[in-house]
Protein backbone atom coordinates (compact mmCIF):
# COMPACT_ATOMS: atom_id res chain seq x y z
CA MET A 1 0.00 0.00 0.00
CA THR A 2 1.09 3.56 -0.66
CA ALA A 3 3.35 4.96 2.07
CA LEU A 4 1.98 8.21 3.54
CA THR A 5 3.91 10.99 5.24
CA LEU A 6 3.11 14.45 6.56
CA SER A 7 5.42 17.20 5.36
CA THR A 8 5.98 20.89 6.06
CA ALA A 9 8.38 21.15 3.11
CA ALA A 10 7.82 23.80 0.46
CA ALA A 11 6.58 22.44 -2.86
CA PRO A 12 9.41 23.87 -5.02
CA GLY A 13 12.18 22.07 -3.16
CA LEU A 14 10.47 18.71 -2.76
CA ARG A 15 11.85 15.83 -4.81
CA ALA A 16 8.89 14.00 -6.29
CA ASP A 17 7.49 12.83 -9.59
CA ALA A 18 4.59 15.27 -9.36
CA ILE A 19 2.97 17.99 -7.29
CA VAL A 20 -0.80 17.55 -6.93
CA ILE A 21 -2.88 20.70 -6.54
CA GLY A 22 -6.60 21.36 -6.39
CA VAL A 23 -8.67 23.47 -8.76
CA ALA A 24 -12.35 24.31 -8.28
CA LYS A 25 -15.15 25.58 -10.46
CA GLY A 26 -15.58 29.32 -10.11
CA ALA A 27 -18.89 30.68 -8.92
CA GLY A 28 -21.27 32.52 -11.22
CA SER A 29 -22.05 31.91 -14.85
CA LYS A 30 -20.99 28.91 -16.89
CA ALA A 31 -18.25 31.08 -18.32
CA ALA A 32 -16.61 31.52 -14.90
CA GLY A 33 -13.06 30.17 -15.00
CA PRO A 34 -11.36 27.70 -12.69
CA VAL A 35 -10.18 28.77 -9.25
CA VAL A 36 -6.88 27.61 -7.78
CA ALA A 37 -7.52 26.00 -4.38
CA PRO A 38 -5.53 26.69 -1.19
CA GLY A 39 -2.35 24.68 -0.95
CA ALA A 40 -1.23 25.60 -4.46
CA GLU A 41 0.06 29.07 -3.59
CA ALA A 42 3.70 28.23 -4.35
CA VAL A 43 2.80 26.84 -7.76
CA ASP A 44 0.58 29.80 -8.58
CA LYS A 45 3.31 32.22 -7.53
CA ALA A 46 5.81 30.51 -9.81
CA TYR A 47 3.37 31.06 -12.66
CA ASP A 48 3.24 34.77 -11.73
CA GLY A 49 -0.29 34.38 -10.42
CA ARG A 50 -1.54 33.20 -13.80
CA LEU A 51 -2.01 29.52 -12.97
CA ALA A 52 -5.82 29.67 -13.22
CA GLY A 53 -5.56 31.17 -16.69
CA VAL A 54 -3.02 28.57 -17.81
CA LEU A 55 -5.26 25.78 -16.57
CA GLU A 56 -8.28 27.28 -18.33
CA THR A 57 -6.28 27.47 -21.56
CA LEU A 58 -5.54 23.76 -21.16
CA GLY A 59 -9.26 23.07 -20.84
CA ALA A 60 -9.54 22.76 -17.07
CA SER A 61 -12.77 23.83 -15.42
CA GLY A 62 -12.34 22.48 -11.89
CA ALA A 63 -15.09 19.88 -12.34
CA GLU A 64 -15.05 16.91 -10.02
CA GLY A 65 -12.84 14.10 -11.32
CA GLU A 66 -11.05 16.27 -13.88
CA VAL A 67 -7.27 15.88 -14.22
CA THR A 68 -5.01 18.38 -15.98
CA LYS A 69 -1.26 17.85 -16.26
CA LEU A 70 1.25 20.61 -16.99
CA PRO A 71 5.01 21.10 -16.66
CA ALA A 72 6.17 22.28 -13.27
CA PRO A 73 7.48 25.87 -13.15
CA ALA A 74 11.18 26.63 -13.36
CA GLY A 75 12.93 26.04 -10.04
CA PHE A 76 10.74 23.12 -8.99
CA LYS A 77 12.48 19.80 -8.40
CA ALA A 78 9.32 17.91 -9.40
CA PRO A 79 8.87 17.88 -13.19
CA LEU A 80 5.08 17.74 -13.25
CA VAL A 81 2.05 19.50 -11.79
CA VAL A 82 -1.22 17.57 -11.64
CA ALA A 83 -4.31 19.75 -11.15
CA VAL A 84 -7.31 17.76 -9.99
CA GLY A 85 -10.88 19.03 -9.94
CA LEU A 86 -12.61 19.63 -6.62
CA GLY A 87 -16.01 20.59 -8.00
CA ALA A 88 -17.77 23.79 -6.99
CA ALA A 89 -15.73 26.22 -4.91
CA PRO A 90 -17.03 26.49 -1.32
CA GLU A 91 -18.88 29.56 -0.12
CA LYS A 92 -16.28 30.06 2.60
CA ASP A 93 -12.69 30.30 1.44
CA GLY A 94 -10.71 27.12 2.01
CA GLU A 95 -13.50 25.10 3.65
CA TYR A 96 -13.71 22.25 1.17
CA ASP A 97 -15.98 19.31 1.84
CA GLY A 98 -14.13 16.22 3.07
CA GLU A 99 -15.63 14.01 0.39
CA ALA A 100 -14.52 16.45 -2.34
CA LEU A 101 -10.97 16.22 -0.99
CA ARG A 102 -11.21 12.43 -0.70
CA LYS A 103 -12.38 12.06 -4.30
CA ALA A 104 -9.79 14.48 -5.66
CA ALA A 105 -6.96 12.70 -3.85
CA GLY A 106 -8.23 9.37 -5.14
CA VAL A 107 -8.43 10.59 -8.73
CA ALA A 108 -4.89 11.97 -8.52
CA ALA A 109 -3.55 8.75 -7.00
CA ARG A 110 -5.04 6.76 -9.86
CA ALA A 111 -3.68 9.22 -12.42
CA LEU A 112 -0.20 8.84 -10.93
CA ALA A 113 -0.07 5.05 -11.08
CA GLY A 114 3.52 4.07 -11.85
CA SER A 115 5.00 7.04 -9.98
CA LYS A 116 7.37 6.55 -7.09
CA LYS A 117 6.43 9.66 -5.13
CA ALA A 118 3.89 12.46 -5.33
CA ALA A 119 3.39 15.52 -3.15
CA PHE A 120 -0.23 16.43 -2.45
CA ALA A 121 -0.69 20.19 -2.02
CA LEU A 122 -4.47 20.05 -1.56
CA PRO A 123 -6.41 22.24 0.92
CA LEU A 124 -5.63 21.07 4.46
CA GLY A 125 -7.58 23.22 6.87
CA ASP A 126 -7.57 20.83 9.81
CA ALA A 127 -6.97 17.23 10.88
CA GLY A 128 -10.24 16.18 9.26
CA ASP A 129 -8.95 17.34 5.89
CA ILE A 130 -5.72 15.39 6.43
CA GLY A 131 -7.74 12.27 7.13
CA ALA A 132 -9.89 12.79 4.03
CA VAL A 133 -6.92 13.33 1.70
CA ALA A 134 -5.04 10.39 3.23
CA GLU A 135 -8.05 8.12 2.77
CA GLY A 136 -8.47 9.31 -0.81
CA VAL A 137 -4.86 8.59 -1.69
CA LEU A 138 -4.88 5.11 -0.13
CA LEU A 139 -8.25 4.19 -1.61
CA GLY A 140 -7.41 5.54 -5.06
CA ALA A 141 -4.01 3.85 -5.21
CA TYR A 142 -5.51 0.39 -4.61
CA SER A 143 -4.93 -2.40 -7.11
CA PHE A 144 -5.57 -6.14 -6.99
CA ASP A 145 -2.65 -7.96 -8.57
CA ALA A 146 -2.48 -11.28 -6.73
CA TYR A 147 -3.30 -13.29 -9.85
CA LYS A 148 -1.04 -11.44 -12.29
CA ASP A 149 2.56 -12.56 -12.90
CA ASN A 150 2.61 -14.72 -9.76
CA GLY A 151 1.39 -11.77 -7.74
CA LYS A 152 4.47 -9.70 -8.58
CA ASN A 153 2.57 -7.41 -10.94
CA VAL A 154 5.47 -7.46 -13.41
CA SER A 155 3.42 -6.55 -16.45
CA ALA A 156 1.75 -3.69 -14.60
CA LYS A 157 5.11 -2.26 -13.62
CA LYS A 158 6.36 -2.53 -17.19
CA ASN A 159 3.29 -0.65 -18.40
CA GLY A 160 3.67 2.05 -15.74
CA LYS A 161 0.50 0.98 -13.92
CA ALA A 162 1.87 -0.06 -10.55
CA PRO A 163 0.23 1.83 -7.67
CA LEU A 164 1.69 5.11 -6.49
CA ALA A 165 4.44 4.11 -4.06
CA GLU A 166 4.71 7.15 -1.75
CA ALA A 167 2.68 10.27 -1.05
CA ALA A 168 3.61 13.31 1.02
CA LEU A 169 0.78 15.48 2.34
CA LEU A 170 2.08 19.05 2.21
CA GLY A 171 0.83 21.22 5.03
CA GLY A 172 0.51 18.29 7.40
CA LYS A 173 2.53 18.64 10.58
CA PRO A 174 4.40 15.44 11.53
CA ARG A 175 4.68 16.47 15.20
CA ASP A 176 1.10 17.62 15.64
CA LYS A 177 -0.86 15.02 17.64
CA GLU A 178 -4.13 15.62 15.82
CA HIS A 179 -2.49 15.48 12.40
CA LYS A 180 -0.65 12.27 13.27
CA ALA A 181 -3.81 10.72 14.70
CA ALA A 182 -5.77 11.57 11.55
CA LEU A 183 -3.11 9.95 9.37
CA GLU A 184 -2.93 6.86 11.57
CA ARG A 185 -6.71 6.48 11.61
CA ALA A 186 -6.95 6.81 7.84
CA THR A 187 -4.19 4.24 7.40
CA ALA A 188 -5.78 1.69 9.72
CA VAL A 189 -9.28 2.05 8.26
CA VAL A 190 -8.19 1.97 4.62
CA GLU A 191 -5.74 -0.90 5.08
CA GLU A 192 -8.62 -2.99 6.41
CA LEU A 193 -11.03 -1.69 3.79
CA ASN A 194 -8.53 -2.67 1.10
CA ARG A 195 -8.23 -6.09 2.72
CA ALA A 196 -12.01 -6.37 2.29
CA ARG A 197 -11.59 -5.40 -1.37
CA ASP A 198 -8.98 -8.13 -1.77
CA LEU A 199 -11.35 -10.71 -0.31
CA ILE A 200 -14.19 -9.61 -2.58
CA ASN A 201 -11.93 -9.77 -5.63
CA THR A 202 -10.51 -13.20 -4.77
CA PRO A 203 -11.82 -15.93 -7.10
CA PRO A 204 -14.33 -18.26 -5.41
CA ASN A 205 -12.17 -21.33 -6.00
CA ASP A 206 -9.67 -19.78 -3.57
CA LEU A 207 -12.08 -18.09 -1.16
CA THR A 208 -14.34 -20.70 0.38
CA PRO A 209 -16.13 -20.49 3.74
CA GLU A 210 -13.28 -22.49 5.28
CA SER A 211 -10.49 -20.32 3.86
CA PHE A 212 -12.34 -17.11 4.77
CA ALA A 213 -12.63 -18.41 8.34
CA ALA A 214 -8.90 -19.16 8.37
CA ILE A 215 -8.10 -15.61 7.24
CA ALA A 216 -10.31 -14.21 9.99
CA THR A 217 -8.64 -16.46 12.56
CA ALA A 218 -5.17 -15.29 11.55
CA ALA A 219 -6.21 -11.63 11.71
CA GLY A 220 -7.72 -12.21 15.14
CA LYS A 221 -4.46 -13.57 16.48
CA GLU A 222 -2.58 -10.59 15.05
CA HIS A 223 -4.88 -7.93 16.48
CA GLY A 224 -6.04 -9.40 19.79
CA ILE A 225 -9.51 -10.42 18.60
CA LYS A 226 -11.07 -13.62 19.93
CA VAL A 227 -12.25 -15.80 17.06
CA GLN A 228 -14.67 -18.72 17.27
CA VAL A 229 -15.41 -20.81 14.17
CA LEU A 230 -18.42 -23.11 13.99
CA ASP A 231 -17.83 -25.83 11.38
CA GLU A 232 -20.52 -28.04 9.84
CA LYS A 233 -20.58 -30.37 12.86
CA ALA A 234 -20.99 -27.50 15.33
CA LEU A 235 -23.62 -25.90 13.10
CA THR A 236 -25.53 -29.17 12.97
CA ASN A 237 -25.35 -29.66 16.73
CA GLY A 238 -26.43 -26.06 17.27
CA GLY A 239 -29.40 -26.24 14.92
CA TYR A 240 -28.30 -23.56 12.45
CA GLY A 241 -30.74 -24.67 9.77
CA GLY A 242 -30.46 -21.57 7.63
CA ILE A 243 -26.69 -21.65 7.16
CA LEU A 244 -26.64 -25.42 6.77
CA GLY A 245 -29.49 -25.36 4.29
CA VAL A 246 -27.86 -22.80 2.03
CA GLY A 247 -24.52 -24.61 2.17
CA SER A 248 -25.94 -28.10 1.66
CA GLY A 249 -25.51 -28.08 -2.11
CA SER A 250 -21.79 -27.31 -2.07
CA ALA A 251 -18.70 -29.42 -1.54
CA ALA A 252 -17.35 -26.44 0.42
CA ALA A 253 -18.95 -26.69 3.86
CA PRO A 254 -20.39 -23.58 5.56
CA ARG A 255 -19.00 -21.76 8.56
CA LEU A 256 -20.21 -19.25 11.14
CA VAL A 257 -17.37 -17.09 12.42
CA LYS A 258 -17.65 -14.99 15.56
CA LEU A 259 -15.13 -12.17 16.06
CA SER A 260 -15.05 -10.61 19.53
CA TYR A 261 -13.19 -7.36 20.16
CA THR A 262 -13.42 -6.13 23.74
CA HIS A 263 -12.16 -3.05 25.54
CA SER A 264 -11.66 -3.06 29.31
CA LYS A 265 -13.42 0.29 29.75
CA ALA A 266 -16.27 -0.27 27.31
CA ASP A 267 -19.88 -0.09 28.48
CA LYS A 268 -21.53 -0.48 25.07
CA HIS A 269 -21.79 -3.55 22.86
CA LEU A 270 -22.30 -3.30 19.11
CA ALA A 271 -22.97 -6.45 17.05
CA LEU A 272 -22.24 -6.54 13.32
CA VAL A 273 -23.56 -9.33 11.08
CA GLY A 274 -22.34 -9.93 7.54
CA LYS A 275 -23.68 -12.03 4.68
CA GLY A 276 -20.82 -14.20 3.41
CA ILE A 277 -21.94 -16.17 0.37
CA THR A 278 -18.54 -16.87 -1.15
CA TYR A 279 -20.21 -17.80 -4.42
CA ASP A 280 -23.88 -17.57 -5.32
CA SER A 281 -25.10 -19.63 -8.27
CA GLY A 282 -28.68 -19.20 -7.09
CA GLY A 283 -28.83 -22.86 -6.09
CA ILE A 284 -31.65 -24.90 -7.64
CA SER A 285 -33.28 -21.55 -8.55
CA LEU A 286 -30.30 -21.02 -10.83
CA LYS A 287 -29.40 -17.49 -11.86
CA PRO A 288 -29.86 -16.73 -15.57
CA ALA A 289 -26.90 -16.42 -17.93
CA GLY A 290 -25.02 -13.19 -17.44
CA HIS A 291 -25.76 -12.95 -13.73
CA ASN A 292 -23.21 -15.43 -12.40
CA GLU A 293 -19.90 -13.90 -13.41
CA THR A 294 -19.54 -11.49 -10.48
CA MET A 295 -21.17 -13.60 -7.78
CA LYS A 296 -17.88 -13.98 -5.95
CA CYS A 297 -18.84 -10.58 -4.51
CA ASP A 298 -21.81 -11.97 -2.58
CA MET A 299 -19.66 -12.12 0.55
CA SER A 300 -19.10 -8.34 0.56
CA GLY A 301 -21.19 -7.89 3.71
CA ALA A 302 -19.05 -10.36 5.66
CA ALA A 303 -15.91 -8.71 4.28
CA ALA A 304 -17.17 -5.33 5.49
CA VAL A 305 -17.93 -6.64 8.97
CA PHE A 306 -14.56 -8.39 9.19
CA ALA A 307 -12.72 -5.25 8.11
CA ALA A 308 -14.65 -3.02 10.50
CA VAL A 309 -13.99 -5.22 13.54
CA VAL A 310 -10.25 -5.40 12.80
CA ALA A 311 -10.10 -1.65 12.17
CA ALA A 312 -11.84 -0.98 15.50
CA ALA A 313 -9.31 -3.20 17.25
CA ARG A 314 -6.40 -1.41 15.57
CA LEU A 315 -7.85 1.94 16.63
CA GLY A 316 -8.40 0.72 20.19
CA LEU A 317 -11.99 1.99 20.27
CA GLN A 318 -13.64 1.95 23.68
CA VAL A 319 -16.52 -0.28 22.67
CA ASN A 320 -17.16 -4.02 22.61
CA ILE A 321 -17.83 -5.27 19.08
CA THR A 322 -18.92 -8.70 18.01
CA GLY A 323 -18.72 -9.53 14.33
CA TRP A 324 -20.64 -12.47 12.87
CA LEU A 325 -19.65 -13.82 9.46
CA ALA A 326 -22.31 -16.13 8.01
CA LEU A 327 -20.30 -18.03 5.39
CA ALA A 328 -21.65 -20.49 2.82
CA GLU A 329 -21.49 -21.31 -0.88
CA ASN A 330 -24.83 -21.55 -2.67
CA MET A 331 -24.62 -24.29 -5.30
CA PRO A 332 -27.04 -26.64 -7.10
CA SER A 333 -26.58 -30.37 -6.55
CA GLY A 334 -28.44 -33.46 -5.47
CA SER A 335 -28.07 -32.42 -1.85
CA ALA A 336 -29.08 -28.78 -2.34
CA VAL A 337 -32.13 -27.20 -0.74
CA ARG A 338 -35.15 -27.25 -3.10
CA PRO A 339 -37.97 -24.78 -3.55
CA GLY A 340 -40.67 -26.09 -1.26
CA ASP A 341 -38.31 -27.38 1.42
CA VAL A 342 -38.80 -26.21 5.00
CA LEU A 343 -35.82 -25.28 7.17
CA ARG A 344 -35.84 -25.04 10.95
CA MET A 345 -33.75 -22.03 11.82
CA TYR A 346 -31.48 -21.47 14.82
CA SER A 347 -34.25 -19.41 16.42
CA GLY A 348 -36.63 -22.39 16.19
CA LYS A 349 -38.80 -20.76 13.53
CA THR A 350 -39.49 -22.68 10.34
CA VAL A 351 -38.99 -21.15 6.89
CA GLU A 352 -40.49 -22.39 3.66
CA VAL A 353 -37.93 -21.89 0.92
CA LEU A 354 -39.75 -20.65 -2.18
CA ASN A 355 -36.64 -19.47 -3.98
CA THR A 356 -33.15 -20.80 -3.24
CA ASP A 357 -31.65 -17.61 -4.70
CA ALA A 358 -33.09 -15.74 -1.72
CA GLU A 359 -30.39 -17.42 0.36
CA GLY A 360 -28.69 -14.43 1.98
CA ARG A 361 -31.59 -13.78 4.30
CA LEU A 362 -31.45 -17.43 5.45
CA VAL A 363 -27.81 -17.32 6.59
CA LEU A 364 -28.32 -13.85 8.08
CA ALA A 365 -31.36 -15.03 10.02
CA ASP A 366 -29.30 -17.60 11.92
CA ALA A 367 -26.50 -15.12 12.57
CA LEU A 368 -28.91 -12.38 13.68
CA TRP A 369 -30.49 -14.72 16.22
CA ALA A 370 -27.07 -15.80 17.46
CA ALA A 371 -26.05 -12.16 17.85
CA SER A 372 -29.31 -11.41 19.66
CA GLN A 373 -28.59 -13.99 22.37
CA GLU A 374 -25.82 -11.76 23.71
CA LYS A 375 -28.28 -8.85 24.01
CA PRO A 376 -26.07 -6.18 22.45
CA ASP A 377 -27.10 -2.53 22.52
CA ALA A 378 -27.57 -2.62 18.76
CA ILE A 379 -27.20 -4.96 15.79
CA VAL A 380 -26.32 -3.88 12.26
CA ASP A 381 -26.33 -6.39 9.43
CA VAL A 382 -24.69 -5.77 6.05
CA ALA A 383 -25.49 -7.71 2.90
CA THR A 384 -25.55 -7.72 -0.88
CA LEU A 385 -29.10 -8.84 -0.41
CA THR A 386 -31.45 -7.87 -3.23
CA GLY A 387 -31.44 -6.82 -6.85
CA ALA A 388 -34.54 -4.83 -5.93
CA MET A 389 -32.39 -2.42 -3.95
CA VAL A 390 -30.20 -1.86 -7.00
CA LEU A 391 -33.30 -1.08 -9.05
CA ALA A 392 -34.45 1.37 -6.39
CA LEU A 393 -31.19 3.17 -5.61
CA GLY A 394 -28.75 2.40 -8.42
CA ASN A 395 -25.18 1.19 -8.23
CA ARG A 396 -23.67 3.74 -5.84
CA THR A 397 -26.12 4.00 -2.94
CA PHE A 398 -27.01 1.47 -0.25
CA GLY A 399 -30.35 1.26 1.48
CA VAL A 400 -30.80 1.48 5.25
CA MET A 401 -33.75 -0.12 7.06
CA ALA A 402 -34.24 -0.34 10.81
CA ASN A 403 -36.70 -1.08 13.57
CA ASP A 404 -35.93 2.34 15.05
CA ASP A 405 -36.22 5.53 12.99
CA ALA A 406 -33.67 7.45 15.04
CA PHE A 407 -31.11 4.67 14.67
CA ARG A 408 -31.73 4.54 10.92
CA SER A 409 -31.17 8.30 10.70
CA ALA A 410 -27.97 8.04 12.73
CA ILE A 411 -26.58 5.46 10.31
CA VAL A 412 -27.46 7.57 7.27
CA GLU A 413 -25.77 10.57 8.89
CA ALA A 414 -22.69 8.52 9.75
CA ALA A 415 -22.48 7.28 6.17
CA GLU A 416 -22.72 10.82 4.83
CA GLU A 417 -20.02 11.95 7.24
CA VAL A 418 -17.50 9.42 5.90
CA GLY A 419 -18.49 9.87 2.26
CA GLU A 420 -20.67 6.81 1.63
CA ALA A 421 -23.97 7.30 -0.18
CA SER A 422 -26.96 5.77 1.60
CA TRP A 423 -30.70 6.27 1.71
CA PRO A 424 -33.30 5.56 4.45
CA MET A 425 -35.84 2.95 3.41
CA PRO A 426 -39.12 1.96 5.13
CA LEU A 427 -40.36 -1.38 6.40
CA PRO A 428 -44.04 -1.26 5.38
CA GLU A 429 -46.06 -3.58 7.59
CA HIS A 430 -48.50 -4.53 4.82
CA LEU A 431 -45.69 -6.32 2.97
CA ARG A 432 -45.23 -8.80 5.82
CA LYS A 433 -48.42 -10.68 4.92
CA GLY A 434 -46.93 -11.69 1.57
CA MET A 435 -44.49 -13.98 3.42
CA ASP A 436 -47.22 -15.96 5.16
CA SER A 437 -46.79 -19.66 4.47
CA PRO A 438 -49.40 -22.42 4.75
CA THR A 439 -46.63 -24.84 5.70
CA ALA A 440 -44.14 -22.94 7.85
CA ASP A 441 -43.90 -19.95 10.17
CA ILE A 442 -42.72 -17.74 7.30
CA ALA A 443 -41.64 -18.02 3.66
CA ASN A 444 -38.37 -16.62 2.38
CA MET A 445 -40.17 -14.74 -0.40
CA GLY A 446 -43.05 -12.31 -0.47
CA GLU A 447 -44.38 -9.72 -2.89
CA ARG A 448 -42.11 -9.06 -5.85
CA MET A 449 -42.68 -5.31 -5.79
CA GLY A 450 -40.68 -3.79 -2.95
CA GLY A 451 -38.52 -6.92 -2.76
CA GLY A 452 -35.72 -5.15 -0.90
CA LEU A 453 -38.16 -4.07 1.80
CA VAL A 454 -39.64 -7.55 2.00
CA ALA A 455 -36.14 -8.91 2.67
CA GLY A 456 -35.71 -6.38 5.47
CA LEU A 457 -38.99 -7.45 7.02
CA PHE A 458 -37.89 -11.08 6.87
CA LEU A 459 -34.65 -10.28 8.71
CA ARG A 460 -36.53 -8.33 11.38
CA GLU A 461 -38.29 -11.57 12.34
CA PHE A 462 -34.96 -12.93 13.62
CA VAL A 463 -33.84 -9.98 15.75
CA GLY A 464 -34.28 -10.46 19.48
CA GLU A 465 -37.09 -8.58 21.18
CA GLY A 466 -36.17 -5.09 22.35
CA ILE A 467 -32.88 -4.94 20.44
CA THR A 468 -32.22 -1.96 18.19
CA TRP A 469 -31.41 -3.21 14.69
CA ALA A 470 -30.57 -1.89 11.25
CA HIS A 471 -30.07 -3.56 7.88
CA LEU A 472 -27.73 -2.22 5.18
CA ASP A 473 -28.44 -3.57 1.69
CA ILE A 474 -25.22 -2.86 -0.22
CA ALA A 475 -26.13 -4.82 -3.36
CA GLY A 476 -25.58 -1.76 -5.56
CA PRO A 477 -22.26 -0.25 -4.44
CA ALA A 478 -20.46 -3.41 -3.24
CA PHE A 479 -19.01 -4.32 -6.63
CA ASN A 480 -18.18 -1.86 -9.40
CA GLU A 481 -18.56 -3.51 -12.79
CA GLY A 482 -17.83 -0.27 -14.65
CA GLY A 483 -14.71 1.85 -14.88
CA ALA A 484 -12.92 3.29 -11.86
CA PHE A 485 -14.11 6.68 -10.61
CA GLY A 486 -12.97 8.94 -7.82
CA TYR A 487 -11.30 6.66 -5.29
CA THR A 488 -13.46 3.68 -6.29
CA PRO A 489 -11.74 0.93 -8.31
CA LYS A 490 -13.24 -1.56 -10.68
CA GLY A 491 -14.29 -4.65 -8.74
CA GLY A 492 -14.76 -4.90 -4.99
CA THR A 493 -15.27 -1.52 -3.32
CA GLY A 494 -15.33 -2.20 0.43
CA SER A 495 -18.74 -0.55 0.71
CA ALA A 496 -20.02 0.08 4.27
CA VAL A 497 -16.66 -0.44 6.00
CA ARG A 498 -16.18 3.26 6.72
CA THR A 499 -19.78 3.61 7.89
CA LEU A 500 -19.42 0.70 10.32
CA VAL A 501 -16.17 2.06 11.73
CA ARG A 502 -17.78 5.46 12.22
CA LEU A 503 -20.73 3.81 13.99
CA ALA A 504 -18.28 2.08 16.30
CA GLU A 505 -16.54 5.39 17.02
CA LEU A 506 -19.85 7.12 17.76
CA THR A 507 -20.89 4.26 20.03
CA ALA A 508 -17.57 4.43 21.87
CA ALA A 509 -18.00 8.18 22.35
CA GLY A 510 -21.55 7.75 23.63
CA ASP A 511 -22.93 9.74 20.69
CA LEU A 512 -25.02 6.94 19.20
CA GLY A 513 -28.24 6.59 21.16
């Protein structure tokens, strides 16, 4: 991963491959020119105060995601200046939105792939800005190369596409406690988020429930997290009918992994539950052609929970966090669950399986009930659960449902704070009737319209009484099938990791009700 440093050095004398500066869209009419952002004063001065005009001549407008490269001024040791768009200039001078800084840093990091070192002279008003720029650089510089040239990424290096090796954040003070803390937090969170991306991008023949559990166990030992793994025998003895049912068609046996991070001074307990379908064929209700190729990403919820628990441990947050990874592979075979089968869940409730491709809610149901037995202050589950949520919110926004409106609002606000797009969704009571079954306590399918909400209502049935709960459906943003944008790569994105870490921080601080 890119090495980050804070630097008080002046841009002209810094040895680097490039100096990154920010440029914003000027206020007013469409004809308004670009505005050079704070942090670029030394570059602007070297251009005799004409940098904005030079950039405009080169076609720059300051629009978000825009990159303009130009030769560095005489006297600079770096040969190149990279101007990256920040979007609309803020009403107050210098007070740029954290997400605008994060995106700009990510775009620049991607544009500088193959460079050894870059200096980022973006607006740094406070420690929050340092954290945003640091996150943007580390997120944008991500690449997944484990399966190219024996993992050595030789061809990428030859083509100048290796990730940016080192980044210096100009204006950051190495001896300032707040600045150092912001950099350390960003590094810990993004290193774990990128680990989640790696897991999501790993081919399903190499990431099975068993191997995922082994990775979680190793991370637990490294970071002081207690890990308990329930194998197929323990799941059978415990009566985890949902997880066992989904995994019954695969040669790769299911697992339920419990990660326990505790702090000696904590008085709050947050439980996180992640859907971990390491490959989803749809089972007997086989997915149609064209819908299978990316189904290695169906464990993105478990990856997010795993990353968030490890990040919380690395940050030493004063909160107890239990992460539950419900891991299974959903395959069709002679032993697979069939439409019409009835499963007895860990809670004791019976579920009629009407569609084996609605499997995520079955593994989550068992894990939610297991989490409920510890009576945490709140439970949050994360899952690539429904195509209906993608239809409703698109590919970049996740839906948030909850049994408590205030808790749902708090999660949406936390997501916005860290730069993740989310949207509050309802749980309409009239949709519950559609899951009534003549055979079992509940069916795993209901009305087709509002399918994402129906799934949320199903999950609510398996949350312990009196426990605050929220459900994050990340089916849209979890896996980017298009081109990279901002700090988001093609492939696994690590969606919801930053939101979960922020929730843990708010809980530790007593700011989450």
